[in-house]
Amino acid sequence: MPETSATQSRRRRLAAGVVLACYWASMFIATHWPHMHVPNYVQNTDKILHFTGNFGFGFLLAIWISTKRIFGRGEFAAAFGVIFVYAIVDEVTQIPVGRDCEFFDMVADWCGGLTGLLAFLLLRLVLRRLTRSRVDEVTVNAGIGGDVSPS
């Protein structure tokens, strides 16, 4: 029996949710693990790690939300709200495990999450245009739409 689109949508949402949850849990564990000394580790990359980690978080959050509804302004604001609050909670809860709570880590988190959300919107726009132009090309080549006679 072929799958219905509703079943496919539920599976996509579940898969996106599992990936998002695993990523989020990994980020939390990584930021709460006690400091370790790693020889030959590149120094001063902390803000880059915060930015890239939250870039991925924002991007995956947007994917997960878009499996249920159209990712518009309200969804964008809600997603950024989650990123904003989580960055604060993440930094504050690092204090009990002996890690530093730094304002600029939160700024890097916010910037990374925002960039991830914007990257999702940009990718969606590009894919829509590519898909639309491909559909238009097929339609014209098949003689289905518009005037295709030579001028």
N, C-alpha and C. Protein backbone atom coordinates (compact mmCIF):
# COMPACT_ATOMS: atom_id res chain seq x y z
N MET A 1 0.84 -1.17 0.00
CA MET A 1 0.00 0.00 0.00
C MET A 1 0.89 1.24 0.00
N PRO A 2 0.69 2.15 -0.94
CA PRO A 2 1.54 3.35 -1.00
C PRO A 2 1.31 4.27 0.19
N GLU A 3 2.38 4.98 0.55
CA GLU A 3 2.28 5.91 1.67
C GLU A 3 1.47 7.13 1.26
N THR A 4 0.69 7.64 2.19
CA THR A 4 -0.04 8.88 1.93
C THR A 4 0.88 10.05 2.21
N SER A 5 0.52 11.21 1.71
CA SER A 5 1.36 12.40 1.96
C SER A 5 1.35 12.76 3.44
N ALA A 6 0.25 12.46 4.15
CA ALA A 6 0.20 12.73 5.59
C ALA A 6 1.20 11.85 6.33
N THR A 7 1.32 10.59 5.94
CA THR A 7 2.29 9.69 6.56
C THR A 7 3.70 10.15 6.26
N GLN A 8 3.96 10.56 5.03
CA GLN A 8 5.28 11.06 4.67
C GLN A 8 5.61 12.32 5.45
N SER A 9 4.64 13.21 5.63
CA SER A 9 4.85 14.44 6.39
C SER A 9 5.19 14.13 7.84
N ARG A 10 4.47 13.18 8.43
CA ARG A 10 4.75 12.79 9.83
C ARG A 10 6.14 12.20 9.95
N ARG A 11 6.53 11.40 8.99
CA ARG A 11 7.88 10.79 9.03
C ARG A 11 8.96 11.86 8.87
N ARG A 12 8.74 12.80 7.97
CA ARG A 12 9.71 13.89 7.80
C ARG A 12 9.83 14.72 9.09
N ARG A 13 8.68 15.02 9.69
CA ARG A 13 8.69 15.80 10.94
C ARG A 13 9.39 15.03 12.04
N LEU A 14 9.12 13.74 12.15
CA LEU A 14 9.77 12.91 13.16
C LEU A 14 11.27 12.87 12.93
N ALA A 15 11.68 12.65 11.69
CA ALA A 15 13.12 12.59 11.38
C ALA A 15 13.79 13.92 11.69
N ALA A 16 13.17 15.03 11.30
CA ALA A 16 13.74 16.35 11.58
C ALA A 16 13.79 16.60 13.08
N GLY A 17 12.78 16.14 13.80
CA GLY A 17 12.75 16.30 15.25
C GLY A 17 13.83 15.50 15.96
N VAL A 18 14.06 14.28 15.49
CA VAL A 18 15.11 13.43 16.08
C VAL A 18 16.48 14.05 15.84
N VAL A 19 16.73 14.50 14.61
CA VAL A 19 18.02 15.13 14.30
C VAL A 19 18.21 16.39 15.15
N LEU A 20 17.17 17.23 15.24
CA LEU A 20 17.24 18.45 16.05
C LEU A 20 17.50 18.12 17.52
N ALA A 21 16.78 17.15 18.07
CA ALA A 21 16.95 16.78 19.48
C ALA A 21 18.35 16.25 19.76
N CYS A 22 18.86 15.42 18.89
CA CYS A 22 20.22 14.88 19.06
C CYS A 22 21.26 16.00 18.98
N TYR A 23 21.08 16.90 18.02
CA TYR A 23 22.02 18.01 17.86
C TYR A 23 21.99 18.91 19.10
N TRP A 24 20.78 19.22 19.56
CA TRP A 24 20.60 20.10 20.72
C TRP A 24 21.21 19.46 21.96
N ALA A 25 20.96 18.18 22.15
CA ALA A 25 21.53 17.46 23.31
C ALA A 25 23.06 17.44 23.23
N SER A 26 23.59 17.23 22.04
CA SER A 26 25.04 17.22 21.86
C SER A 26 25.64 18.59 22.19
N MET A 27 24.96 19.65 21.75
CA MET A 27 25.42 21.00 22.06
C MET A 27 25.42 21.24 23.56
N PHE A 28 24.35 20.82 24.22
CA PHE A 28 24.24 21.03 25.67
C PHE A 28 25.35 20.29 26.40
N ILE A 29 25.56 19.03 26.03
CA ILE A 29 26.61 18.24 26.68
C ILE A 29 27.98 18.87 26.43
N ALA A 30 28.24 19.30 25.22
CA ALA A 30 29.54 19.89 24.88
C ALA A 30 29.80 21.17 25.67
N THR A 31 28.77 21.97 25.88
CA THR A 31 28.97 23.23 26.59
C THR A 31 28.97 23.06 28.10
N HIS A 32 28.57 21.89 28.60
CA HIS A 32 28.53 21.66 30.04
C HIS A 32 29.57 20.65 30.51
N TRP A 33 30.35 20.12 29.60
CA TRP A 33 31.41 19.19 29.96
C TRP A 33 32.53 19.99 30.63
N PRO A 34 33.10 19.49 31.72
CA PRO A 34 34.18 20.24 32.36
C PRO A 34 35.33 20.51 31.39
N HIS A 35 36.02 21.63 31.63
CA HIS A 35 37.16 21.99 30.77
C HIS A 35 38.18 20.88 30.74
N MET A 36 38.69 20.61 29.56
CA MET A 36 39.76 19.63 29.40
C MET A 36 40.91 20.33 28.70
N HIS A 37 42.11 19.93 29.05
CA HIS A 37 43.28 20.47 28.36
C HIS A 37 43.59 19.54 27.19
N VAL A 38 43.55 20.09 26.01
CA VAL A 38 43.84 19.32 24.81
C VAL A 38 45.12 19.90 24.19
N PRO A 39 46.21 19.12 24.19
CA PRO A 39 47.44 19.65 23.62
C PRO A 39 47.29 19.94 22.12
N ASN A 40 47.96 20.97 21.67
CA ASN A 40 47.95 21.39 20.26
C ASN A 40 46.57 21.83 19.76
N TYR A 41 45.67 22.16 20.68
CA TYR A 41 44.34 22.65 20.31
C TYR A 41 44.46 24.12 19.91
N VAL A 42 43.82 24.49 18.83
CA VAL A 42 43.87 25.87 18.37
C VAL A 42 43.19 26.75 19.42
N GLN A 43 43.89 27.77 19.86
CA GLN A 43 43.37 28.67 20.89
C GLN A 43 42.46 29.74 20.29
N ASN A 44 41.65 30.35 21.15
CA ASN A 44 40.79 31.49 20.78
C ASN A 44 39.78 31.15 19.69
N THR A 45 39.25 29.96 19.72
CA THR A 45 38.22 29.57 18.76
C THR A 45 36.84 29.46 19.42
N ASP A 46 36.76 29.85 20.67
CA ASP A 46 35.53 29.69 21.45
C ASP A 46 34.33 30.36 20.78
N LYS A 47 34.48 31.59 20.36
CA LYS A 47 33.35 32.32 19.75
C LYS A 47 32.97 31.70 18.40
N ILE A 48 33.94 31.21 17.67
CA ILE A 48 33.65 30.54 16.39
C ILE A 48 32.85 29.26 16.64
N LEU A 49 33.21 28.52 17.69
CA LEU A 49 32.46 27.30 18.03
C LEU A 49 31.04 27.64 18.45
N HIS A 50 30.87 28.71 19.23
CA HIS A 50 29.52 29.13 19.63
C HIS A 50 28.70 29.52 18.40
N PHE A 51 29.30 30.30 17.51
CA PHE A 51 28.61 30.75 16.30
C PHE A 51 28.19 29.56 15.44
N THR A 52 29.14 28.68 15.12
CA THR A 52 28.82 27.57 14.22
C THR A 52 27.86 26.58 14.84
N GLY A 53 28.02 26.33 16.14
CA GLY A 53 27.09 25.41 16.81
C GLY A 53 25.66 25.92 16.75
N ASN A 54 25.48 27.20 16.99
CA ASN A 54 24.13 27.77 16.96
C ASN A 54 23.64 28.06 15.56
N PHE A 55 24.55 28.19 14.60
CA PHE A 55 24.15 28.25 13.19
C PHE A 55 23.41 26.95 12.86
N GLY A 56 24.02 25.83 13.18
CA GLY A 56 23.39 24.53 12.93
C GLY A 56 22.09 24.38 13.67
N PHE A 57 22.06 24.84 14.92
CA PHE A 57 20.84 24.76 15.72
C PHE A 57 19.72 25.57 15.08
N GLY A 58 20.02 26.80 14.66
CA GLY A 58 19.00 27.63 14.01
C GLY A 58 18.50 27.03 12.72
N PHE A 59 19.42 26.50 11.92
CA PHE A 59 19.06 25.90 10.64
C PHE A 59 18.17 24.67 10.86
N LEU A 60 18.56 23.79 11.78
CA LEU A 60 17.77 22.58 12.05
C LEU A 60 16.42 22.93 12.68
N LEU A 61 16.38 23.94 13.52
CA LEU A 61 15.12 24.37 14.12
C LEU A 61 14.16 24.86 13.03
N ALA A 62 14.68 25.62 12.08
CA ALA A 62 13.85 26.11 10.97
C ALA A 62 13.33 24.94 10.12
N ILE A 63 14.17 23.96 9.87
CA ILE A 63 13.73 22.78 9.11
C ILE A 63 12.60 22.08 9.85
N TRP A 64 12.79 21.87 11.16
CA TRP A 64 11.78 21.16 11.95
C TRP A 64 10.45 21.92 11.94
N ILE A 65 10.51 23.23 12.15
CA ILE A 65 9.28 24.03 12.14
C ILE A 65 8.61 23.96 10.78
N SER A 66 9.41 24.01 9.71
CA SER A 66 8.84 24.03 8.36
C SER A 66 8.21 22.70 7.96
N THR A 67 8.46 21.64 8.71
CA THR A 67 7.80 20.37 8.41
C THR A 67 6.35 20.37 8.87
N LYS A 68 5.99 21.35 9.69
CA LYS A 68 4.62 21.42 10.21
C LYS A 68 3.82 22.58 9.62
N ARG A 69 4.50 23.67 9.33
CA ARG A 69 3.81 24.87 8.84
C ARG A 69 4.74 25.69 7.98
N ILE A 70 4.19 26.66 7.31
CA ILE A 70 5.00 27.56 6.49
C ILE A 70 5.85 28.41 7.44
N PHE A 71 7.14 28.49 7.15
CA PHE A 71 8.07 29.22 8.00
C PHE A 71 8.02 30.70 7.61
N GLY A 72 7.13 31.44 8.28
CA GLY A 72 6.95 32.86 8.00
C GLY A 72 7.56 33.72 9.10
N ARG A 73 7.09 34.96 9.17
CA ARG A 73 7.64 35.91 10.15
C ARG A 73 7.42 35.46 11.59
N GLY A 74 6.22 34.98 11.88
CA GLY A 74 5.92 34.55 13.24
C GLY A 74 6.78 33.37 13.67
N GLU A 75 6.95 32.42 12.76
CA GLU A 75 7.77 31.25 13.05
C GLU A 75 9.25 31.64 13.20
N PHE A 76 9.68 32.59 12.36
CA PHE A 76 11.05 33.09 12.45
C PHE A 76 11.28 33.73 13.82
N ALA A 77 10.34 34.58 14.24
CA ALA A 77 10.46 35.25 15.54
C ALA A 77 10.45 34.24 16.68
N ALA A 78 9.57 33.25 16.60
CA ALA A 78 9.49 32.23 17.65
C ALA A 78 10.79 31.42 17.71
N ALA A 79 11.32 31.05 16.55
CA ALA A 79 12.56 30.28 16.50
C ALA A 79 13.72 31.09 17.09
N PHE A 80 13.78 32.39 16.71
CA PHE A 80 14.85 33.21 17.27
C PHE A 80 14.65 33.39 18.77
N GLY A 81 13.40 33.45 19.22
CA GLY A 81 13.13 33.53 20.66
C GLY A 81 13.66 32.31 21.40
N VAL A 82 13.48 31.14 20.81
CA VAL A 82 14.01 29.90 21.42
C VAL A 82 15.54 29.98 21.49
N ILE A 83 16.16 30.41 20.40
CA ILE A 83 17.63 30.53 20.35
C ILE A 83 18.11 31.55 21.38
N PHE A 84 17.43 32.67 21.46
CA PHE A 84 17.80 33.74 22.37
C PHE A 84 17.76 33.27 23.83
N VAL A 85 16.64 32.68 24.21
CA VAL A 85 16.48 32.22 25.59
C VAL A 85 17.43 31.06 25.89
N TYR A 86 17.55 30.12 24.95
CA TYR A 86 18.43 28.98 25.18
C TYR A 86 19.88 29.43 25.38
N ALA A 87 20.33 30.42 24.64
CA ALA A 87 21.71 30.91 24.79
C ALA A 87 21.94 31.43 26.21
N ILE A 88 20.97 32.14 26.75
CA ILE A 88 21.09 32.65 28.11
C ILE A 88 21.10 31.49 29.11
N VAL A 89 20.14 30.59 29.00
CA VAL A 89 20.06 29.44 29.91
C VAL A 89 21.33 28.60 29.82
N ASP A 90 21.82 28.39 28.61
CA ASP A 90 23.02 27.59 28.40
C ASP A 90 24.22 28.20 29.13
N GLU A 91 24.41 29.50 28.98
CA GLU A 91 25.56 30.15 29.63
C GLU A 91 25.42 30.15 31.15
N VAL A 92 24.24 30.47 31.66
CA VAL A 92 24.04 30.55 33.11
C VAL A 92 24.21 29.17 33.77
N THR A 93 23.74 28.12 33.11
CA THR A 93 23.83 26.78 33.71
C THR A 93 25.23 26.18 33.60
N GLN A 94 26.15 26.86 32.96
CA GLN A 94 27.53 26.38 32.92
C GLN A 94 28.28 26.71 34.21
N ILE A 95 27.81 27.69 34.96
CA ILE A 95 28.49 28.11 36.19
C ILE A 95 28.61 26.95 37.19
N PRO A 96 27.55 26.19 37.47
CA PRO A 96 27.67 25.10 38.46
C PRO A 96 28.67 23.99 38.07
N VAL A 97 28.98 23.86 36.78
CA VAL A 97 29.92 22.81 36.37
C VAL A 97 31.33 23.36 36.15
N GLY A 98 31.56 24.59 36.64
CA GLY A 98 32.90 25.16 36.59
C GLY A 98 33.28 25.80 35.27
N ARG A 99 32.31 26.06 34.42
CA ARG A 99 32.59 26.73 33.15
C ARG A 99 32.26 28.22 33.31
N ASP A 100 32.70 29.01 32.35
CA ASP A 100 32.49 30.45 32.41
C ASP A 100 31.17 30.84 31.76
N CYS A 101 30.51 31.82 32.35
CA CYS A 101 29.31 32.42 31.77
C CYS A 101 29.75 33.75 31.17
N GLU A 102 29.78 33.81 29.84
CA GLU A 102 30.28 35.01 29.17
C GLU A 102 29.22 35.61 28.27
N PHE A 103 29.06 36.92 28.40
CA PHE A 103 28.08 37.63 27.58
C PHE A 103 28.38 37.47 26.09
N PHE A 104 29.65 37.57 25.70
CA PHE A 104 29.98 37.50 24.28
C PHE A 104 29.83 36.09 23.71
N ASP A 105 29.80 35.08 24.56
CA ASP A 105 29.43 33.75 24.09
C ASP A 105 27.96 33.74 23.68
N MET A 106 27.13 34.43 24.48
CA MET A 106 25.70 34.53 24.14
C MET A 106 25.52 35.31 22.84
N VAL A 107 26.29 36.37 22.66
CA VAL A 107 26.20 37.16 21.43
C VAL A 107 26.57 36.29 20.23
N ALA A 108 27.63 35.50 20.37
CA ALA A 108 28.02 34.58 19.29
C ALA A 108 26.92 33.56 19.03
N ASP A 109 26.28 33.07 20.10
CA ASP A 109 25.15 32.13 19.96
C ASP A 109 24.01 32.78 19.19
N TRP A 110 23.65 33.99 19.58
CA TRP A 110 22.54 34.69 18.93
C TRP A 110 22.84 34.96 17.46
N CYS A 111 24.05 35.42 17.19
CA CYS A 111 24.43 35.72 15.80
C CYS A 111 24.45 34.44 14.95
N GLY A 112 24.98 33.36 15.52
CA GLY A 112 25.01 32.09 14.80
C GLY A 112 23.62 31.55 14.54
N GLY A 113 22.76 31.59 15.55
CA GLY A 113 21.38 31.12 15.38
C GLY A 113 20.61 31.93 14.36
N LEU A 114 20.78 33.25 14.42
CA LEU A 114 20.12 34.13 13.45
C LEU A 114 20.61 33.85 12.04
N THR A 115 21.91 33.65 11.89
CA THR A 115 22.47 33.35 10.58
C THR A 115 21.97 32.00 10.07
N GLY A 116 21.82 31.02 10.95
CA GLY A 116 21.27 29.72 10.56
C GLY A 116 19.84 29.84 10.06
N LEU A 117 19.04 30.66 10.75
CA LEU A 117 17.65 30.88 10.30
C LEU A 117 17.63 31.57 8.94
N LEU A 118 18.48 32.58 8.78
CA LEU A 118 18.55 33.29 7.50
C LEU A 118 19.06 32.39 6.38
N ALA A 119 20.01 31.51 6.70
CA ALA A 119 20.52 30.57 5.70
C ALA A 119 19.41 29.63 5.24
N PHE A 120 18.56 29.20 6.17
CA PHE A 120 17.42 28.37 5.80
C PHE A 120 16.52 29.11 4.82
N LEU A 121 16.20 30.37 5.14
CA LEU A 121 15.32 31.15 4.26
C LEU A 121 15.95 31.35 2.88
N LEU A 122 17.25 31.61 2.85
CA LEU A 122 17.95 31.79 1.58
C LEU A 122 17.94 30.50 0.76
N LEU A 123 18.24 29.39 1.41
CA LEU A 123 18.23 28.10 0.71
C LEU A 123 16.84 27.78 0.18
N ARG A 124 15.82 28.06 0.99
CA ARG A 124 14.44 27.81 0.55
C ARG A 124 14.10 28.66 -0.67
N LEU A 125 14.53 29.92 -0.66
CA LEU A 125 14.28 30.82 -1.79
C LEU A 125 14.97 30.31 -3.05
N VAL A 126 16.22 29.93 -2.93
CA VAL A 126 16.98 29.43 -4.08
C VAL A 126 16.34 28.16 -4.63
N LEU A 127 15.98 27.23 -3.75
CA LEU A 127 15.36 25.97 -4.20
C LEU A 127 14.02 26.22 -4.87
N ARG A 128 13.24 27.16 -4.35
CA ARG A 128 11.95 27.48 -4.98
C ARG A 128 12.15 28.04 -6.37
N ARG A 129 13.13 28.94 -6.50
CA ARG A 129 13.38 29.53 -7.83
C ARG A 129 13.90 28.49 -8.81
N LEU A 130 14.79 27.62 -8.34
CA LEU A 130 15.29 26.56 -9.22
C LEU A 130 14.17 25.63 -9.64
N THR A 131 13.34 25.27 -8.70
CA THR A 131 12.21 24.38 -8.99
C THR A 131 11.24 25.06 -9.94
N ARG A 132 10.93 26.31 -9.67
CA ARG A 132 9.99 27.06 -10.51
C ARG A 132 10.54 27.20 -11.93
N SER A 133 11.83 27.52 -12.06
CA SER A 133 12.38 27.68 -13.41
C SER A 133 12.43 26.35 -14.14
N ARG A 134 12.66 25.27 -13.43
CA ARG A 134 12.67 23.93 -14.05
C ARG A 134 11.26 23.56 -14.51
N VAL A 135 10.25 23.86 -13.69
CA VAL A 135 8.86 23.58 -14.07
C VAL A 135 8.48 24.43 -15.28
N ASP A 136 8.88 25.71 -15.28
CA ASP A 136 8.59 26.57 -16.43
C ASP A 136 9.25 26.04 -17.70
N GLU A 137 10.49 25.57 -17.59
CA GLU A 137 11.22 25.03 -18.74
C GLU A 137 10.52 23.80 -19.29
N VAL A 138 10.10 22.91 -18.43
CA VAL A 138 9.40 21.70 -18.86
C VAL A 138 8.07 22.05 -19.50
N THR A 139 7.37 23.02 -18.91
CA THR A 139 6.07 23.44 -19.45
C THR A 139 6.22 24.03 -20.85
N VAL A 140 7.20 24.90 -21.03
CA VAL A 140 7.42 25.52 -22.33
C VAL A 140 7.85 24.47 -23.36
N ASN A 141 8.78 23.59 -22.99
CA ASN A 141 9.25 22.56 -23.91
C ASN A 141 8.14 21.60 -24.31
N ALA A 142 7.18 21.41 -23.42
CA ALA A 142 6.08 20.51 -23.73
C ALA A 142 4.98 21.23 -24.51
N GLY A 143 5.13 22.54 -24.66
CA GLY A 143 4.12 23.31 -25.40
C GLY A 143 2.85 23.49 -24.62
N ILE A 144 2.95 23.43 -23.29
CA ILE A 144 1.75 23.52 -22.46
C ILE A 144 1.37 24.95 -22.16
N GLY A 145 2.34 25.78 -21.87
CA GLY A 145 1.96 27.12 -21.42
C GLY A 145 2.55 28.20 -22.31
N GLY A 146 1.83 29.31 -22.38
CA GLY A 146 2.33 30.48 -23.07
C GLY A 146 2.45 30.29 -24.57
N ASP A 147 2.90 31.34 -25.21
CA ASP A 147 3.10 31.32 -26.65
C ASP A 147 4.50 30.81 -26.93
N VAL A 148 4.63 29.66 -27.53
CA VAL A 148 5.92 29.08 -27.82
C VAL A 148 6.28 29.14 -29.29
N SER A 149 5.42 29.85 -30.05
CA SER A 149 5.70 29.94 -31.48
C SER A 149 6.80 30.97 -31.72
N PRO A 150 7.62 30.73 -32.75
CA PRO A 150 8.69 31.71 -33.04
C PRO A 150 8.09 33.03 -33.47
N SER A 151 8.75 34.11 -33.09
CA SER A 151 8.25 35.45 -33.42
C SER A 151 8.71 35.87 -34.78
